[in-house]
């Protein structure tokens, strides 16, 4: 299992935000620093959660799929891009931070993952296996993303 932790930029004040009950990872701060989106995974299912950074209250972001990963908060703070496994393939989706307006952005053979927003919020860069090469397959043979 893995947890989400924070530490001050000078290395002091480390503390856990999650409880060790799942494999938590890939945190992304909202631009205002008040929320964190991250992935929680148990028993082959992975869900995105949005946590209030002060109260540590976390709520699942309901997307309608059982495998979500790699969330990235938009610079405007209202949209989260992420990778979702549907139709036998990983693709890039966005959803508003309140859980509404789910949109599929990619739909092609080959897994699309690891998205990152441009600073102006107009573009999303991502890694893709559209060319047939899956670099993660060698690192994670039982979890090809």
C-alpha atoms as a PDB file:
ATOM      1  CA  UNK A   1       0.000   0.000   0.000  1.00  0.00           C
ATOM      2  CA  UNK A   2       1.064   3.590  -0.578  1.00  0.00           C
ATOM      3  CA  UNK A   3      -0.112   6.859   0.927  1.00  0.00           C
ATOM      4  CA  UNK A   4      -0.260  10.537   0.018  1.00  0.00           C
ATOM      5  CA  UNK A   5       1.892  12.748   2.234  1.00  0.00           C
ATOM      6  CA  UNK A   6       2.850  16.403   2.286  1.00  0.00           C
ATOM      7  CA  UNK A   7       5.978  18.128   3.492  1.00  0.00           C
ATOM      8  CA  UNK A   8       6.898  21.804   3.708  1.00  0.00           C
ATOM      9  CA  UNK A   9       9.173  23.016   0.920  1.00  0.00           C
ATOM     10  CA  UNK A  10      12.063  23.192   3.415  1.00  0.00           C
ATOM     11  CA  UNK A  11      11.616  19.504   4.333  1.00  0.00           C
ATOM     12  CA  UNK A  12       9.887  20.070   7.674  1.00  0.00           C
ATOM     13  CA  UNK A  13       6.393  19.181   8.884  1.00  0.00           C
ATOM     14  CA  UNK A  14       5.846  15.887   7.046  1.00  0.00           C
ATOM     15  CA  UNK A  15       2.449  14.260   7.548  1.00  0.00           C
ATOM     16  CA  UNK A  16       0.218  11.710   5.872  1.00  0.00           C
ATOM     17  CA  UNK A  17      -3.051  12.727   4.259  1.00  0.00           C
ATOM     18  CA  UNK A  18      -4.353   9.213   3.577  1.00  0.00           C
ATOM     19  CA  UNK A  19      -4.905   6.285   5.922  1.00  0.00           C
ATOM     20  CA  UNK A  20      -3.010   3.373   4.371  1.00  0.00           C
ATOM     21  CA  UNK A  21      -6.167   1.472   3.434  1.00  0.00           C
ATOM     22  CA  UNK A  22      -5.431   1.512  -0.323  1.00  0.00           C
ATOM     23  CA  UNK A  23      -2.698   2.127  -2.862  1.00  0.00           C
ATOM     24  CA  UNK A  24      -2.871   5.921  -3.129  1.00  0.00           C
ATOM     25  CA  UNK A  25      -0.842   7.846  -5.677  1.00  0.00           C
ATOM     26  CA  UNK A  26      -0.413  10.515  -8.325  1.00  0.00           C
ATOM     27  CA  UNK A  27      -1.546  13.587  -6.337  1.00  0.00           C
ATOM     28  CA  UNK A  28      -2.202  16.891  -8.091  1.00  0.00           C
ATOM     29  CA  UNK A  29      -2.837  20.184  -6.278  1.00  0.00           C
ATOM     30  CA  UNK A  30      -5.635  22.522  -7.298  1.00  0.00           C
ATOM     31  CA  UNK A  31      -4.215  25.909  -8.357  1.00  0.00           C
ATOM     32  CA  UNK A  32      -5.510  27.555  -5.172  1.00  0.00           C
ATOM     33  CA  UNK A  33      -3.859  24.885  -2.992  1.00  0.00           C
ATOM     34  CA  UNK A  34      -7.110  24.069  -1.204  1.00  0.00           C
ATOM     35  CA  UNK A  35      -7.722  20.637  -2.771  1.00  0.00           C
ATOM     36  CA  UNK A  36      -5.782  17.626  -3.963  1.00  0.00           C
ATOM     37  CA  UNK A  37      -6.946  15.082  -6.521  1.00  0.00           C
ATOM     38  CA  UNK A  38      -5.348  11.630  -6.399  1.00  0.00           C
ATOM     39  CA  UNK A  39      -5.867   7.986  -7.282  1.00  0.00           C
ATOM     40  CA  UNK A  40      -6.857   5.310  -4.766  1.00  0.00           C
ATOM     41  CA  UNK A  41      -6.641   1.660  -5.812  1.00  0.00           C
ATOM     42  CA  UNK A  42      -7.849  -1.559  -4.161  1.00  0.00           C
ATOM     43  CA  UNK A  43      -8.656  -5.023  -5.508  1.00  0.00           C
ATOM     44  CA  UNK A  44      -8.086  -4.142  -9.162  1.00  0.00           C
ATOM     45  CA  UNK A  45     -10.268  -1.022  -9.078  1.00  0.00           C
ATOM     46  CA  UNK A  46      -8.971   2.524  -9.018  1.00  0.00           C
ATOM     47  CA  UNK A  47     -10.918   5.666  -8.223  1.00  0.00           C
ATOM     48  CA  UNK A  48     -10.089   9.354  -8.201  1.00  0.00           C
ATOM     49  CA  UNK A  49     -10.603  11.260  -4.953  1.00  0.00           C
ATOM     50  CA  UNK A  50     -10.731  14.986  -4.251  1.00  0.00           C
ATOM     51  CA  UNK A  51      -9.499  15.941  -0.778  1.00  0.00           C
ATOM     52  CA  UNK A  52      -9.857  19.227   1.078  1.00  0.00           C
ATOM     53  CA  UNK A  53      -6.249  19.924   2.089  1.00  0.00           C
ATOM     54  CA  UNK A  54      -7.219  21.528   5.410  1.00  0.00           C
ATOM     55  CA  UNK A  55      -9.943  19.187   6.683  1.00  0.00           C
ATOM     56  CA  UNK A  56      -8.586  16.078   4.909  1.00  0.00           C
ATOM     57  CA  UNK A  57     -12.135  15.181   3.909  1.00  0.00           C
ATOM     58  CA  UNK A  58     -11.956  13.107   0.718  1.00  0.00           C
ATOM     59  CA  UNK A  59     -14.772  12.380  -1.700  1.00  0.00           C
ATOM     60  CA  UNK A  60     -14.666   9.993  -4.659  1.00  0.00           C
ATOM     61  CA  UNK A  61     -14.960  11.586  -8.072  1.00  0.00           C
ATOM     62  CA  UNK A  62     -17.596   9.429  -9.731  1.00  0.00           C
ATOM     63  CA  UNK A  63     -16.653   8.889 -13.371  1.00  0.00           C
ATOM     64  CA  UNK A  64     -18.543   5.694 -14.173  1.00  0.00           C
ATOM     65  CA  UNK A  65     -15.487   3.486 -14.720  1.00  0.00           C
ATOM     66  CA  UNK A  66     -13.527   1.115 -12.490  1.00  0.00           C
ATOM     67  CA  UNK A  67      -9.992   2.102 -13.525  1.00  0.00           C
ATOM     68  CA  UNK A  68      -8.929   5.742 -13.257  1.00  0.00           C
ATOM     69  CA  UNK A  69      -5.404   7.085 -12.924  1.00  0.00           C
ATOM     70  CA  UNK A  70      -2.977   9.990 -13.384  1.00  0.00           C
ATOM     71  CA  UNK A  71      -5.183  12.998 -12.513  1.00  0.00           C
ATOM     72  CA  UNK A  72      -3.975  16.489 -13.390  1.00  0.00           C
ATOM     73  CA  UNK A  73      -5.692  19.650 -12.198  1.00  0.00           C
ATOM     74  CA  UNK A  74      -6.238  22.377 -14.811  1.00  0.00           C
ATOM     75  CA  UNK A  75      -4.677  25.813 -14.258  1.00  0.00           C
ATOM     76  CA  UNK A  76      -8.190  27.314 -13.993  1.00  0.00           C
ATOM     77  CA  UNK A  77      -9.000  24.929 -11.125  1.00  0.00           C
ATOM     78  CA  UNK A  78     -12.355  23.749 -12.433  1.00  0.00           C
ATOM     79  CA  UNK A  79     -11.371  20.765 -14.605  1.00  0.00           C
ATOM     80  CA  UNK A  80      -9.383  17.591 -13.937  1.00  0.00           C
ATOM     81  CA  UNK A  81      -7.810  15.593 -16.760  1.00  0.00           C
ATOM     82  CA  UNK A  82      -7.160  11.901 -16.117  1.00  0.00           C
ATOM     83  CA  UNK A  83      -6.643   8.491 -17.691  1.00  0.00           C
ATOM     84  CA  UNK A  84      -9.552   6.050 -17.745  1.00  0.00           C
ATOM     85  CA  UNK A  85      -9.767   2.421 -18.842  1.00  0.00           C
ATOM     86  CA  UNK A  86     -12.869   1.819 -20.948  1.00  0.00           C
ATOM     87  CA  UNK A  87     -13.488  -0.230 -24.063  1.00  0.00           C
ATOM     88  CA  UNK A  88     -10.268  -2.228 -23.549  1.00  0.00           C
ATOM     89  CA  UNK A  89      -7.994   0.808 -23.730  1.00  0.00           C
ATOM     90  CA  UNK A  90      -6.707   3.714 -21.629  1.00  0.00           C
ATOM     91  CA  UNK A  91      -7.769   7.144 -22.901  1.00  0.00           C
ATOM     92  CA  UNK A  92      -7.684  10.753 -21.691  1.00  0.00           C
ATOM     93  CA  UNK A  93     -10.838  12.242 -20.172  1.00  0.00           C
ATOM     94  CA  UNK A  94     -11.744  15.437 -18.365  1.00  0.00           C
ATOM     95  CA  UNK A  95     -14.316  16.055 -15.671  1.00  0.00           C
ATOM     96  CA  UNK A  96     -15.253  19.153 -13.725  1.00  0.00           C
ATOM     97  CA  UNK A  97     -13.961  19.089 -10.156  1.00  0.00           C
ATOM     98  CA  UNK A  98     -17.566  18.816  -8.913  1.00  0.00           C
ATOM     99  CA  UNK A  99     -18.001  15.523 -10.831  1.00  0.00           C
ATOM    100  CA  UNK A 100     -20.037  16.864 -13.751  1.00  0.00           C
ATOM    101  CA  UNK A 101     -19.376  17.166 -17.484  1.00  0.00           C
ATOM    102  CA  UNK A 102     -17.325  14.037 -18.166  1.00  0.00           C
ATOM    103  CA  UNK A 103     -15.671  14.301 -21.611  1.00  0.00           C
ATOM    104  CA  UNK A 104     -13.601  11.798 -23.547  1.00  0.00           C
ATOM    105  CA  UNK A 105     -10.687  13.516 -25.305  1.00  0.00           C
ATOM    106  CA  UNK A 106      -8.894  10.590 -26.977  1.00  0.00           C
ATOM    107  CA  UNK A 107     -10.271   7.475 -28.620  1.00  0.00           C
ATOM    108  CA  UNK A 108      -7.597   5.593 -30.514  1.00  0.00           C
ATOM    109  CA  UNK A 109      -5.768   2.276 -30.398  1.00  0.00           C
ATOM    110  CA  UNK A 110      -2.894   2.412 -27.961  1.00  0.00           C
ATOM    111  CA  UNK A 111      -2.967   3.542 -24.369  1.00  0.00           C
ATOM    112  CA  UNK A 112      -2.971   7.285 -23.641  1.00  0.00           C
ATOM    113  CA  UNK A 113      -1.844   8.340 -20.169  1.00  0.00           C
ATOM    114  CA  UNK A 114       0.246  10.695 -17.996  1.00  0.00           C
ATOM    115  CA  UNK A 115      -1.444  13.939 -19.022  1.00  0.00           C
ATOM    116  CA  UNK A 116      -0.234  17.413 -18.124  1.00  0.00           C
ATOM    117  CA  UNK A 117      -1.875  20.805 -18.773  1.00  0.00           C
ATOM    118  CA  UNK A 118      -0.203  23.724 -20.514  1.00  0.00           C
ATOM    119  CA  UNK A 119       0.121  26.759 -18.250  1.00  0.00           C
ATOM    120  CA  UNK A 120      -2.664  28.578 -20.114  1.00  0.00           C
ATOM    121  CA  UNK A 121      -5.018  25.562 -19.885  1.00  0.00           C
ATOM    122  CA  UNK A 122      -5.516  25.370 -23.658  1.00  0.00           C
ATOM    123  CA  UNK A 123      -3.532  22.171 -24.253  1.00  0.00           C
ATOM    124  CA  UNK A 124      -3.064  18.780 -22.619  1.00  0.00           C
ATOM    125  CA  UNK A 125       0.128  16.836 -23.317  1.00  0.00           C
ATOM    126  CA  UNK A 126       0.115  13.059 -22.782  1.00  0.00           C
ATOM    127  CA  UNK A 127       2.105   9.912 -23.480  1.00  0.00           C
ATOM    128  CA  UNK A 128       0.647   7.496 -26.033  1.00  0.00           C
ATOM    129  CA  UNK A 129       1.317   3.958 -27.247  1.00  0.00           C
ATOM    130  CA  UNK A 130      -0.373   4.658 -30.588  1.00  0.00           C
ATOM    131  CA  UNK A 131       2.833   3.699 -32.354  1.00  0.00           C
ATOM    132  CA  UNK A 132       2.731   0.245 -30.778  1.00  0.00           C
ATOM    133  CA  UNK A 133       5.500   0.725 -28.200  1.00  0.00           C
ATOM    134  CA  UNK A 134       4.471   0.487 -24.552  1.00  0.00           C
ATOM    135  CA  UNK A 135       7.441   1.565 -22.441  1.00  0.00           C
ATOM    136  CA  UNK A 136       5.638   0.723 -19.204  1.00  0.00           C
ATOM    137  CA  UNK A 137       4.953  -2.855 -20.302  1.00  0.00           C
ATOM    138  CA  UNK A 138       8.579  -3.725 -19.521  1.00  0.00           C
ATOM    139  CA  UNK A 139       8.403  -2.087 -16.097  1.00  0.00           C
ATOM    140  CA  UNK A 140       4.933  -3.284 -15.127  1.00  0.00           C
ATOM    141  CA  UNK A 141       4.112  -6.508 -17.020  1.00  0.00           C
ATOM    142  CA  UNK A 142       0.957  -7.132 -14.973  1.00  0.00           C
ATOM    143  CA  UNK A 143      -0.362  -3.578 -15.195  1.00  0.00           C
ATOM    144  CA  UNK A 144       0.212  -2.286 -18.747  1.00  0.00           C
ATOM    145  CA  UNK A 145      -0.985   1.307 -18.773  1.00  0.00           C
END
